[in-house]
Protein backbone atom coordinates (compact mmCIF):
# COMPACT_ATOMS: atom_id res chain seq x y z
CA MET A 1 -0.59 16.44 -3.01
CA CYS A 2 -2.93 13.95 -1.34
CA LEU A 3 -1.91 10.31 -1.31
CA ALA A 4 -3.47 7.15 0.02
CA ILE A 5 -1.28 5.89 2.86
CA PRO A 6 -1.20 2.27 4.09
CA GLY A 7 -1.85 1.56 7.74
CA GLN A 8 -2.81 -1.30 10.03
CA ILE A 9 -6.14 -1.34 11.84
CA ILE A 10 -5.58 -1.72 15.57
CA GLU A 11 -9.14 -1.23 16.85
CA VAL A 12 -12.62 -1.08 15.25
CA LYS A 13 -15.65 0.62 16.78
CA GLU A 14 -18.76 2.58 15.88
CA ILE A 15 -18.71 6.34 16.43
CA GLY A 16 -21.78 8.43 15.69
CA GLY A 17 -23.32 5.72 13.53
CA LEU A 18 -20.16 5.34 11.42
CA ARG A 19 -17.84 2.35 11.44
CA SER A 20 -14.45 3.64 12.40
CA ALA A 21 -11.02 2.44 13.44
CA ARG A 22 -7.76 3.47 15.00
CA VAL A 23 -5.18 2.89 12.29
CA GLN A 24 -1.43 2.85 12.82
CA PHE A 25 0.93 4.38 10.25
CA GLY A 26 4.39 3.56 11.54
CA GLY A 27 4.42 5.22 14.97
CA ILE A 28 1.41 7.49 14.30
CA VAL A 29 -2.19 6.50 15.05
CA ARG A 30 -5.19 8.20 13.42
CA GLN A 31 -8.95 7.75 13.59
CA VAL A 32 -10.24 6.55 10.19
CA CYS A 33 -13.70 5.92 8.73
CA LEU A 34 -14.19 2.30 7.55
CA ASP A 35 -17.56 2.70 5.79
CA PHE A 36 -16.00 2.14 2.32
CA VAL A 37 -14.40 -1.16 3.42
CA PRO A 38 -17.01 -2.92 5.58
CA GLU A 39 -15.03 -6.18 5.46
CA ALA A 40 -11.98 -4.61 7.16
CA ALA A 41 -11.19 -5.84 10.68
CA ALA A 42 -8.55 -5.37 13.37
CA GLY A 43 -5.18 -6.55 12.06
CA ASP A 44 -6.02 -5.79 8.42
CA TYR A 45 -4.09 -3.26 6.36
CA VAL A 46 -5.97 -0.52 4.52
CA MET A 47 -5.11 2.36 2.21
CA VAL A 48 -6.30 5.62 3.77
CA HIS A 49 -7.09 8.83 1.90
CA VAL A 50 -8.23 11.99 3.75
CA GLY A 51 -9.46 10.03 6.76
CA PHE A 52 -11.27 7.27 4.85
CA ALA A 53 -10.05 3.72 4.32
CA ILE A 54 -10.61 3.15 0.60
CA THR A 55 -9.38 -0.41 0.11
CA LYS A 56 -7.80 -3.35 1.90
CA VAL A 57 -4.28 -4.40 0.97
CA ASP A 58 -2.07 -7.26 2.08
CA ARG A 59 0.77 -6.69 4.53
CA LEU A 60 3.52 -6.90 1.88
CA GLU A 61 1.86 -4.31 -0.36
CA ALA A 62 1.28 -2.02 2.63
CA GLU A 63 4.94 -2.27 3.68
CA ARG A 64 6.20 -1.73 0.11
CA THR A 65 4.02 1.38 -0.33
CA PHE A 66 4.95 2.76 3.10
CA ARG A 67 8.67 2.40 2.31
CA ALA A 68 8.25 4.08 -1.10
CA LEU A 69 6.45 7.03 0.51
CA GLN A 70 9.19 7.35 3.14
CA GLU A 71 11.83 7.36 0.41
CA MET A 72 9.97 10.14 -1.43
CA GLU A 73 9.84 12.04 1.88
CA GLY A 74 6.11 12.63 1.37
CA LEU A 75 4.87 10.52 4.24
CA GLU A 76 5.51 12.94 7.08
CA ASP A 77 3.88 15.82 5.17
CA GLU A 78 0.76 13.78 4.43
CA LEU A 79 0.34 12.58 8.02
CA ALA A 80 1.05 16.03 9.45
CA SER A 81 -1.51 17.71 7.17
CA SER A 82 -4.26 15.31 8.23
CA SER A 83 -7.02 16.82 10.32
CA SER A 84 -7.71 13.45 11.96
CA GLU A 85 -7.11 12.76 15.63
CA SER A 86 -3.57 11.79 16.60
CA HIS A 87 -2.59 9.44 19.47
């Protein structure tokens, strides 16, 4: 199952002509494409699906969703199955 996972943008930059960011999901950091949310900036929270930020969310919604995914024990599987870069 593929889910959108909330994360916080910690750095924005352009890579290969695409707007991208390092996004933190708990203690895991992944490289994410920001082209679908051009208004997103460092410090914002976004929902990420298969390496693409698909929408901005507020901090409370991000935290609530993250906790729900942890409780369902699906979060680790989703982050581990990602082919994005890990830091």
